[in-house]
């Protein structure tokens, strides 16, 4: 009898622990840290040995996948990136010294996501050529695969 009770209790504990979390319907962008980052800051020892980029526990999305040097926005979320719904993407809009017109990009999250709350979004290659330049205004919108807004954050100057 005791064995049957322990087996049922174990089964109950396992089933409760393995219940899937409900899908995220909103997320908060706690902070956005903009900064210029050069290629060498992304290199790790394993890259020197294998020749392949090792992103580790980071989500890094760039406008030019072949060039790592550029201006990055590090989005800090209140949820893990891995918990975002499949097909989530980020719309980034910027006013930069490059042009007077608004620049808009869509950044798709990779299918395999680490357990982090940070997303590095980079304007790289021809989209950001000068180290000394800084964007005058920016806006990020995180949307699910249906286009519903999960989060939105903008700079102070975006309002004007």
N, C-alpha and C. Protein backbone atom coordinates (compact mmCIF):
# COMPACT_ATOMS: atom_id res chain seq x y z
N UNK A 1 0.82 -1.19 0.00
CA UNK A 1 0.00 0.00 0.00
C UNK A 1 0.87 1.26 0.00
N UNK A 2 1.92 1.19 0.82
CA UNK A 2 2.81 2.33 0.90
C UNK A 2 3.49 2.59 -0.44
N UNK A 3 3.87 1.56 -1.14
CA UNK A 3 4.54 1.70 -2.44
C UNK A 3 3.58 2.32 -3.45
N UNK A 4 2.32 1.88 -3.43
CA UNK A 4 1.32 2.45 -4.33
C UNK A 4 1.11 3.94 -4.03
N UNK A 5 1.05 4.30 -2.76
CA UNK A 5 0.89 5.71 -2.38
C UNK A 5 2.08 6.54 -2.84
N UNK A 6 3.29 6.05 -2.64
CA UNK A 6 4.49 6.77 -3.07
C UNK A 6 4.54 6.90 -4.60
N UNK A 7 4.13 5.86 -5.30
CA UNK A 7 4.11 5.91 -6.76
C UNK A 7 3.12 6.96 -7.25
N UNK A 8 1.93 7.01 -6.66
CA UNK A 8 0.93 8.01 -7.05
C UNK A 8 1.39 9.42 -6.70
N UNK A 9 2.00 9.58 -5.54
CA UNK A 9 2.52 10.89 -5.13
C UNK A 9 3.63 11.35 -6.07
N UNK A 10 4.51 10.45 -6.44
CA UNK A 10 5.59 10.78 -7.39
C UNK A 10 5.02 11.17 -8.74
N UNK A 11 4.04 10.43 -9.21
CA UNK A 11 3.41 10.73 -10.49
C UNK A 11 2.73 12.10 -10.46
N UNK A 12 2.07 12.42 -9.37
CA UNK A 12 1.43 13.72 -9.21
C UNK A 12 2.47 14.85 -9.23
N UNK A 13 3.56 14.67 -8.51
CA UNK A 13 4.62 15.70 -8.47
C UNK A 13 5.25 15.89 -9.84
N UNK A 14 5.50 14.82 -10.55
CA UNK A 14 6.11 14.92 -11.88
C UNK A 14 5.16 15.60 -12.85
N UNK A 15 3.88 15.26 -12.81
CA UNK A 15 2.93 15.87 -13.74
C UNK A 15 2.74 17.35 -13.45
N UNK A 16 2.78 17.74 -12.19
CA UNK A 16 2.65 19.17 -11.85
C UNK A 16 3.89 19.94 -12.28
N UNK A 17 5.05 19.34 -12.14
CA UNK A 17 6.29 20.02 -12.50
C UNK A 17 6.46 20.14 -14.01
N UNK A 18 5.86 19.25 -14.75
CA UNK A 18 6.05 19.27 -16.20
C UNK A 18 4.93 20.00 -16.95
N UNK A 19 4.01 20.61 -16.22
CA UNK A 19 2.95 21.36 -16.90
C UNK A 19 3.56 22.55 -17.61
N UNK A 20 3.15 22.75 -18.82
CA UNK A 20 3.69 23.84 -19.62
C UNK A 20 3.14 25.18 -19.13
N UNK A 21 4.04 26.18 -19.12
CA UNK A 21 3.61 27.52 -18.73
C UNK A 21 2.68 28.08 -19.80
N UNK A 22 1.74 28.93 -19.41
CA UNK A 22 0.88 29.55 -20.42
C UNK A 22 1.70 30.48 -21.31
N UNK A 23 1.26 30.66 -22.53
CA UNK A 23 1.97 31.52 -23.49
C UNK A 23 1.99 32.96 -22.99
N UNK A 24 3.10 33.61 -23.23
CA UNK A 24 3.26 35.01 -22.81
C UNK A 24 2.44 35.90 -23.73
N UNK A 25 1.64 36.77 -23.14
CA UNK A 25 0.83 37.70 -23.93
C UNK A 25 1.37 39.12 -23.85
N UNK A 26 2.28 39.35 -22.91
CA UNK A 26 2.94 40.65 -22.84
C UNK A 26 4.27 40.48 -22.13
N UNK A 27 5.17 41.38 -22.44
CA UNK A 27 6.50 41.39 -21.82
C UNK A 27 6.88 42.85 -21.61
N UNK A 28 7.67 43.12 -20.62
CA UNK A 28 8.12 44.49 -20.37
C UNK A 28 9.59 44.63 -20.77
N UNK A 29 9.89 45.71 -21.45
CA UNK A 29 11.28 46.05 -21.72
C UNK A 29 11.71 46.92 -20.55
N UNK A 30 12.53 46.37 -19.68
CA UNK A 30 12.94 47.07 -18.47
C UNK A 30 13.91 48.20 -18.75
N UNK A 31 14.80 47.98 -19.71
CA UNK A 31 15.82 48.97 -20.01
C UNK A 31 16.39 48.71 -21.40
N UNK A 32 16.91 49.75 -22.02
CA UNK A 32 17.60 49.62 -23.30
C UNK A 32 18.93 50.35 -23.17
N UNK A 33 20.02 49.62 -23.35
CA UNK A 33 21.35 50.20 -23.25
C UNK A 33 21.97 50.31 -24.64
N UNK A 34 22.01 51.49 -25.21
CA UNK A 34 22.65 51.65 -26.53
C UNK A 34 24.15 51.87 -26.37
N UNK A 35 24.94 51.23 -27.26
CA UNK A 35 26.39 51.43 -27.23
C UNK A 35 27.04 50.88 -28.49
N UNK A 36 28.19 51.43 -28.80
CA UNK A 36 28.98 50.99 -29.94
C UNK A 36 29.84 49.81 -29.48
N UNK A 37 29.83 48.72 -30.26
CA UNK A 37 30.61 47.53 -29.91
C UNK A 37 31.39 47.09 -31.15
N UNK A 38 32.67 46.80 -30.95
CA UNK A 38 33.52 46.33 -32.04
C UNK A 38 33.55 44.81 -32.07
N UNK A 39 33.98 44.25 -33.21
CA UNK A 39 34.01 42.81 -33.42
C UNK A 39 34.77 42.07 -32.32
N UNK A 40 35.91 42.59 -31.91
CA UNK A 40 36.74 41.88 -30.92
C UNK A 40 36.02 41.66 -29.60
N UNK A 41 35.04 42.47 -29.27
CA UNK A 41 34.29 42.30 -28.02
C UNK A 41 33.38 41.08 -28.06
N UNK A 42 33.09 40.58 -29.26
CA UNK A 42 32.23 39.41 -29.40
C UNK A 42 33.03 38.11 -29.50
N UNK A 43 34.34 38.21 -29.76
CA UNK A 43 35.15 37.00 -29.97
C UNK A 43 35.44 36.30 -28.65
N UNK A 44 35.37 34.97 -28.71
CA UNK A 44 35.69 34.12 -27.56
C UNK A 44 36.81 33.17 -27.97
N UNK A 45 37.40 32.53 -27.02
CA UNK A 45 38.52 31.63 -27.30
C UNK A 45 38.12 30.54 -28.28
N UNK A 46 36.92 29.98 -28.12
CA UNK A 46 36.48 28.90 -29.01
C UNK A 46 36.41 29.35 -30.46
N UNK A 47 36.16 30.63 -30.69
CA UNK A 47 36.10 31.12 -32.06
C UNK A 47 37.48 31.09 -32.71
N UNK A 48 38.51 31.37 -31.95
CA UNK A 48 39.87 31.30 -32.48
C UNK A 48 40.24 29.87 -32.84
N UNK A 49 39.68 28.91 -32.13
CA UNK A 49 39.98 27.50 -32.39
C UNK A 49 39.14 26.92 -33.52
N UNK A 50 37.86 27.29 -33.57
CA UNK A 50 36.95 26.70 -34.55
C UNK A 50 36.68 27.58 -35.76
N UNK A 51 36.84 28.89 -35.61
CA UNK A 51 36.53 29.80 -36.70
C UNK A 51 35.06 30.18 -36.77
N UNK A 52 34.24 29.62 -35.87
CA UNK A 52 32.80 29.92 -35.86
C UNK A 52 32.47 30.80 -34.67
N UNK A 53 31.53 31.72 -34.88
CA UNK A 53 31.12 32.61 -33.79
C UNK A 53 30.41 31.82 -32.70
N UNK A 54 30.81 32.06 -31.47
CA UNK A 54 30.18 31.44 -30.31
C UNK A 54 29.42 32.53 -29.57
N UNK A 55 28.11 32.50 -29.65
CA UNK A 55 27.30 33.54 -29.01
C UNK A 55 27.05 33.24 -27.54
N UNK A 56 27.36 32.04 -27.12
CA UNK A 56 27.17 31.68 -25.72
C UNK A 56 25.72 31.80 -25.32
N UNK A 57 25.47 32.49 -24.23
CA UNK A 57 24.12 32.64 -23.70
C UNK A 57 23.54 34.00 -24.09
N UNK A 58 23.80 34.42 -25.34
CA UNK A 58 23.32 35.73 -25.79
C UNK A 58 22.51 35.58 -27.08
N UNK A 59 21.50 36.43 -27.21
CA UNK A 59 20.75 36.54 -28.45
C UNK A 59 21.27 37.79 -29.14
N UNK A 60 21.89 37.61 -30.31
CA UNK A 60 22.48 38.72 -31.05
C UNK A 60 21.88 38.73 -32.44
N UNK A 61 21.25 39.85 -32.80
CA UNK A 61 20.63 40.00 -34.12
C UNK A 61 21.23 41.25 -34.75
N UNK A 62 21.68 41.11 -36.00
CA UNK A 62 22.35 42.23 -36.68
C UNK A 62 21.69 42.52 -38.02
N UNK A 63 21.83 43.78 -38.47
CA UNK A 63 21.31 44.14 -39.79
C UNK A 63 22.18 43.54 -40.88
N UNK A 64 23.47 43.42 -40.64
CA UNK A 64 24.40 42.78 -41.58
C UNK A 64 25.04 41.61 -40.85
N UNK A 65 24.64 40.40 -41.22
CA UNK A 65 25.10 39.20 -40.51
C UNK A 65 26.60 38.95 -40.66
N UNK A 66 27.22 39.56 -41.68
CA UNK A 66 28.64 39.33 -41.93
C UNK A 66 29.54 40.30 -41.18
N UNK A 67 29.00 41.36 -40.62
CA UNK A 67 29.80 42.38 -39.93
C UNK A 67 29.29 42.55 -38.51
N UNK A 68 30.17 42.42 -37.53
CA UNK A 68 29.75 42.51 -36.13
C UNK A 68 29.94 43.90 -35.54
N UNK A 69 30.83 44.70 -36.10
CA UNK A 69 31.08 46.03 -35.56
C UNK A 69 29.90 46.93 -35.87
N UNK A 70 29.43 47.65 -34.86
CA UNK A 70 28.31 48.56 -35.08
C UNK A 70 27.72 49.09 -33.80
N UNK A 71 26.58 49.71 -33.95
CA UNK A 71 25.88 50.31 -32.81
C UNK A 71 24.80 49.33 -32.35
N UNK A 72 24.84 48.96 -31.08
CA UNK A 72 23.94 47.95 -30.54
C UNK A 72 23.00 48.55 -29.49
N UNK A 73 21.83 47.98 -29.46
CA UNK A 73 20.84 48.28 -28.43
C UNK A 73 20.63 46.98 -27.66
N UNK A 74 20.91 47.01 -26.37
CA UNK A 74 20.73 45.81 -25.55
C UNK A 74 19.39 45.95 -24.83
N UNK A 75 18.42 45.16 -25.26
CA UNK A 75 17.08 45.19 -24.66
C UNK A 75 17.07 44.25 -23.47
N UNK A 76 16.70 44.75 -22.30
CA UNK A 76 16.59 43.96 -21.08
C UNK A 76 15.11 43.70 -20.82
N UNK A 77 14.72 42.43 -20.84
CA UNK A 77 13.32 42.06 -20.66
C UNK A 77 13.05 41.55 -19.25
N UNK A 78 11.79 41.52 -18.87
CA UNK A 78 11.42 40.96 -17.57
C UNK A 78 11.14 39.47 -17.65
N UNK A 79 11.13 38.93 -18.85
CA UNK A 79 10.92 37.49 -19.08
C UNK A 79 12.11 36.95 -19.85
N UNK A 80 12.33 35.65 -19.77
CA UNK A 80 13.39 35.04 -20.55
C UNK A 80 12.99 35.04 -22.02
N UNK A 81 13.95 35.28 -22.88
CA UNK A 81 13.70 35.32 -24.32
C UNK A 81 13.16 33.97 -24.79
N UNK A 82 13.62 32.91 -24.17
CA UNK A 82 13.19 31.56 -24.54
C UNK A 82 11.69 31.36 -24.34
N UNK A 83 11.09 32.11 -23.41
CA UNK A 83 9.67 31.96 -23.11
C UNK A 83 8.76 32.75 -24.04
N UNK A 84 9.33 33.56 -24.93
CA UNK A 84 8.51 34.31 -25.89
C UNK A 84 7.87 33.35 -26.88
N UNK A 85 6.70 33.68 -27.41
CA UNK A 85 6.02 32.78 -28.35
C UNK A 85 6.86 32.55 -29.61
N UNK A 86 6.69 31.39 -30.21
CA UNK A 86 7.39 31.09 -31.47
C UNK A 86 6.98 32.10 -32.53
N UNK A 87 7.92 32.53 -33.34
CA UNK A 87 7.62 33.49 -34.40
C UNK A 87 7.67 34.94 -33.96
N UNK A 88 8.11 35.18 -32.73
CA UNK A 88 8.22 36.56 -32.24
C UNK A 88 9.28 37.31 -33.03
N UNK A 89 9.00 38.57 -33.31
CA UNK A 89 9.97 39.41 -34.02
C UNK A 89 9.96 40.81 -33.41
N UNK A 90 11.00 41.57 -33.74
CA UNK A 90 11.16 42.91 -33.18
C UNK A 90 11.25 43.91 -34.33
N UNK A 91 10.43 44.93 -34.25
CA UNK A 91 10.52 46.02 -35.23
C UNK A 91 11.33 47.14 -34.59
N UNK A 92 12.40 47.54 -35.26
CA UNK A 92 13.23 48.63 -34.77
C UNK A 92 13.15 49.81 -35.72
N UNK A 93 12.91 50.98 -35.19
CA UNK A 93 12.85 52.20 -35.99
C UNK A 93 13.85 53.19 -35.40
N UNK A 94 14.59 53.87 -36.30
CA UNK A 94 15.68 54.72 -35.86
C UNK A 94 15.76 55.99 -36.68
N UNK A 95 16.19 57.05 -36.03
CA UNK A 95 16.63 58.26 -36.72
C UNK A 95 18.12 58.36 -36.44
N UNK A 96 18.91 58.28 -37.50
CA UNK A 96 20.37 58.26 -37.36
C UNK A 96 20.98 59.40 -38.16
N UNK A 97 22.26 59.71 -37.91
CA UNK A 97 22.93 60.75 -38.68
C UNK A 97 23.09 60.39 -40.17
N UNK A 98 22.88 59.13 -40.51
CA UNK A 98 23.05 58.68 -41.89
C UNK A 98 22.05 59.34 -42.84
N UNK A 99 20.82 59.54 -42.38
CA UNK A 99 19.77 60.12 -43.23
C UNK A 99 18.74 60.84 -42.35
N UNK A 100 18.02 61.76 -42.95
CA UNK A 100 16.96 62.45 -42.21
C UNK A 100 15.69 61.61 -42.10
N UNK A 101 15.58 60.62 -42.97
CA UNK A 101 14.40 59.75 -42.96
C UNK A 101 14.52 58.67 -41.88
N UNK A 102 13.38 58.20 -41.44
CA UNK A 102 13.34 57.12 -40.45
C UNK A 102 13.81 55.83 -41.11
N UNK A 103 14.66 55.09 -40.42
CA UNK A 103 15.08 53.78 -40.88
C UNK A 103 14.32 52.73 -40.08
N UNK A 104 13.78 51.74 -40.76
CA UNK A 104 13.01 50.70 -40.08
C UNK A 104 13.55 49.32 -40.46
N UNK A 105 13.67 48.45 -39.48
CA UNK A 105 14.16 47.09 -39.68
C UNK A 105 13.26 46.13 -38.92
N UNK A 106 13.16 44.91 -39.44
CA UNK A 106 12.47 43.84 -38.74
C UNK A 106 13.51 42.80 -38.37
N UNK A 107 13.59 42.48 -37.09
CA UNK A 107 14.56 41.51 -36.57
C UNK A 107 13.80 40.28 -36.10
N UNK A 108 14.05 39.15 -36.75
CA UNK A 108 13.39 37.90 -36.35
C UNK A 108 14.26 37.19 -35.33
N UNK A 109 13.64 36.72 -34.27
CA UNK A 109 14.38 35.97 -33.25
C UNK A 109 14.73 34.60 -33.81
N UNK A 110 15.92 34.10 -33.50
CA UNK A 110 16.29 32.76 -33.97
C UNK A 110 15.40 31.70 -33.33
N UNK A 111 15.33 30.53 -33.95
CA UNK A 111 14.46 29.48 -33.43
C UNK A 111 15.02 28.87 -32.14
N UNK A 112 16.34 28.81 -32.03
CA UNK A 112 16.95 28.27 -30.81
C UNK A 112 17.38 29.44 -29.93
N UNK A 113 16.76 29.55 -28.76
CA UNK A 113 17.01 30.69 -27.89
C UNK A 113 17.58 30.25 -26.55
N UNK A 114 18.59 30.96 -26.05
CA UNK A 114 19.15 30.63 -24.73
C UNK A 114 18.29 31.18 -23.60
N UNK A 115 18.67 30.82 -22.37
CA UNK A 115 17.94 31.29 -21.18
C UNK A 115 18.50 32.64 -20.74
N UNK A 116 18.22 33.67 -21.47
CA UNK A 116 18.68 35.01 -21.14
C UNK A 116 17.51 35.97 -21.20
N UNK A 117 17.68 37.12 -20.59
CA UNK A 117 16.65 38.16 -20.65
C UNK A 117 17.13 39.34 -21.48
N UNK A 118 18.27 39.19 -22.17
CA UNK A 118 18.84 40.27 -22.97
C UNK A 118 18.82 39.92 -24.45
N UNK A 119 18.56 40.94 -25.27
CA UNK A 119 18.62 40.80 -26.72
C UNK A 119 19.52 41.91 -27.24
N UNK A 120 20.58 41.53 -27.95
CA UNK A 120 21.47 42.50 -28.59
C UNK A 120 20.96 42.74 -30.00
N UNK A 121 20.59 43.96 -30.32
CA UNK A 121 20.15 44.31 -31.67
C UNK A 121 21.17 45.29 -32.22
N UNK A 122 21.79 44.90 -33.35
CA UNK A 122 22.88 45.71 -33.88
C UNK A 122 22.63 46.29 -35.25
N UNK A 123 22.95 47.58 -35.38
CA UNK A 123 23.00 48.23 -36.69
C UNK A 123 24.46 48.09 -37.13
N UNK A 124 24.71 47.19 -38.06
CA UNK A 124 26.08 46.87 -38.43
C UNK A 124 26.30 47.03 -39.93
N UNK A 125 27.55 46.90 -40.35
CA UNK A 125 27.88 47.01 -41.77
C UNK A 125 27.62 48.41 -42.28
N UNK A 126 26.99 48.51 -43.43
CA UNK A 126 26.69 49.80 -44.05
C UNK A 126 25.63 50.59 -43.28
N UNK A 127 24.92 49.92 -42.39
CA UNK A 127 23.89 50.60 -41.61
C UNK A 127 24.48 51.44 -40.48
N UNK A 128 25.74 51.18 -40.12
CA UNK A 128 26.40 51.98 -39.09
C UNK A 128 27.90 51.99 -39.36
N UNK A 129 28.38 53.07 -39.92
CA UNK A 129 29.77 53.12 -40.35
C UNK A 129 30.68 53.95 -39.45
N UNK A 130 30.15 54.88 -38.69
CA UNK A 130 30.99 55.76 -37.87
C UNK A 130 30.86 55.45 -36.39
N UNK A 131 31.98 55.26 -35.76
CA UNK A 131 32.00 54.98 -34.32
C UNK A 131 31.44 56.14 -33.51
N UNK A 132 31.71 57.36 -33.93
CA UNK A 132 31.33 58.54 -33.14
C UNK A 132 29.85 58.92 -33.27
N UNK A 133 29.16 58.38 -34.25
CA UNK A 133 27.74 58.71 -34.43
C UNK A 133 26.89 58.06 -33.34
N UNK A 134 25.79 58.72 -33.03
CA UNK A 134 24.79 58.13 -32.13
C UNK A 134 23.41 58.40 -32.71
N UNK A 135 22.47 57.48 -32.51
CA UNK A 135 21.12 57.72 -33.03
C UNK A 135 20.43 58.83 -32.24
N UNK A 136 19.65 59.62 -32.93
CA UNK A 136 18.96 60.71 -32.23
C UNK A 136 17.67 60.23 -31.58
N UNK A 137 17.04 59.21 -32.15
CA UNK A 137 15.80 58.66 -31.56
C UNK A 137 15.63 57.22 -32.03
N UNK A 138 14.95 56.41 -31.24
CA UNK A 138 14.70 55.01 -31.58
C UNK A 138 13.42 54.52 -30.93
N UNK A 139 12.90 53.43 -31.50
CA UNK A 139 11.68 52.81 -30.98
C UNK A 139 11.75 51.32 -31.29
N UNK A 140 11.43 50.48 -30.31
CA UNK A 140 11.41 49.03 -30.49
C UNK A 140 10.02 48.50 -30.14
N UNK A 141 9.50 47.64 -31.00
CA UNK A 141 8.21 47.00 -30.77
C UNK A 141 8.40 45.49 -30.90
N UNK A 142 8.08 44.75 -29.86
CA UNK A 142 8.15 43.29 -29.90
C UNK A 142 6.76 42.78 -30.22
N UNK A 143 6.67 41.96 -31.29
CA UNK A 143 5.36 41.43 -31.72
C UNK A 143 5.42 39.92 -31.82
N UNK A 144 4.25 39.29 -31.61
CA UNK A 144 4.17 37.85 -31.80
C UNK A 144 3.94 37.54 -33.28
N UNK A 145 3.82 36.28 -33.63
CA UNK A 145 3.68 35.89 -35.04
C UNK A 145 2.40 36.41 -35.68
N UNK A 146 1.40 36.78 -34.89
CA UNK A 146 0.15 37.34 -35.42
C UNK A 146 0.21 38.86 -35.56
N UNK A 147 1.33 39.46 -35.18
CA UNK A 147 1.47 40.91 -35.27
C UNK A 147 0.95 41.65 -34.06
N UNK A 148 0.54 40.92 -33.02
CA UNK A 148 0.05 41.57 -31.80
C UNK A 148 1.24 42.07 -30.98
N UNK A 149 1.12 43.27 -30.45
CA UNK A 149 2.22 43.89 -29.71
C UNK A 149 2.36 43.25 -28.33
N UNK A 150 3.58 42.77 -28.05
CA UNK A 150 3.89 42.22 -26.73
C UNK A 150 4.54 43.28 -25.84
N UNK A 151 5.32 44.17 -26.47
CA UNK A 151 6.00 45.24 -25.73
C UNK A 151 6.41 46.34 -26.69
N UNK A 152 6.55 47.55 -26.15
CA UNK A 152 7.02 48.68 -26.96
C UNK A 152 7.77 49.63 -26.05
N UNK A 153 8.90 50.11 -26.53
CA UNK A 153 9.70 51.08 -25.78
C UNK A 153 10.34 52.04 -26.78
N UNK A 154 10.41 53.30 -26.40
CA UNK A 154 10.97 54.32 -27.29
C UNK A 154 11.83 55.29 -26.50
N UNK A 155 12.67 55.99 -27.22
CA UNK A 155 13.50 57.00 -26.57
C UNK A 155 12.67 58.26 -26.32
N UNK A 156 13.19 59.10 -25.48
CA UNK A 156 12.49 60.34 -25.12
C UNK A 156 12.22 61.19 -26.36
N UNK A 157 13.20 61.29 -27.24
CA UNK A 157 13.05 62.15 -28.42
C UNK A 157 12.09 61.60 -29.47
N UNK A 158 11.71 60.33 -29.36
CA UNK A 158 10.79 59.75 -30.33
C UNK A 158 9.42 60.44 -30.26
N UNK A 159 9.08 60.96 -29.13
CA UNK A 159 7.77 61.60 -28.92
C UNK A 159 7.60 62.90 -29.68
N UNK A 160 8.71 63.52 -30.08
CA UNK A 160 8.62 64.84 -30.71
C UNK A 160 8.51 64.77 -32.20
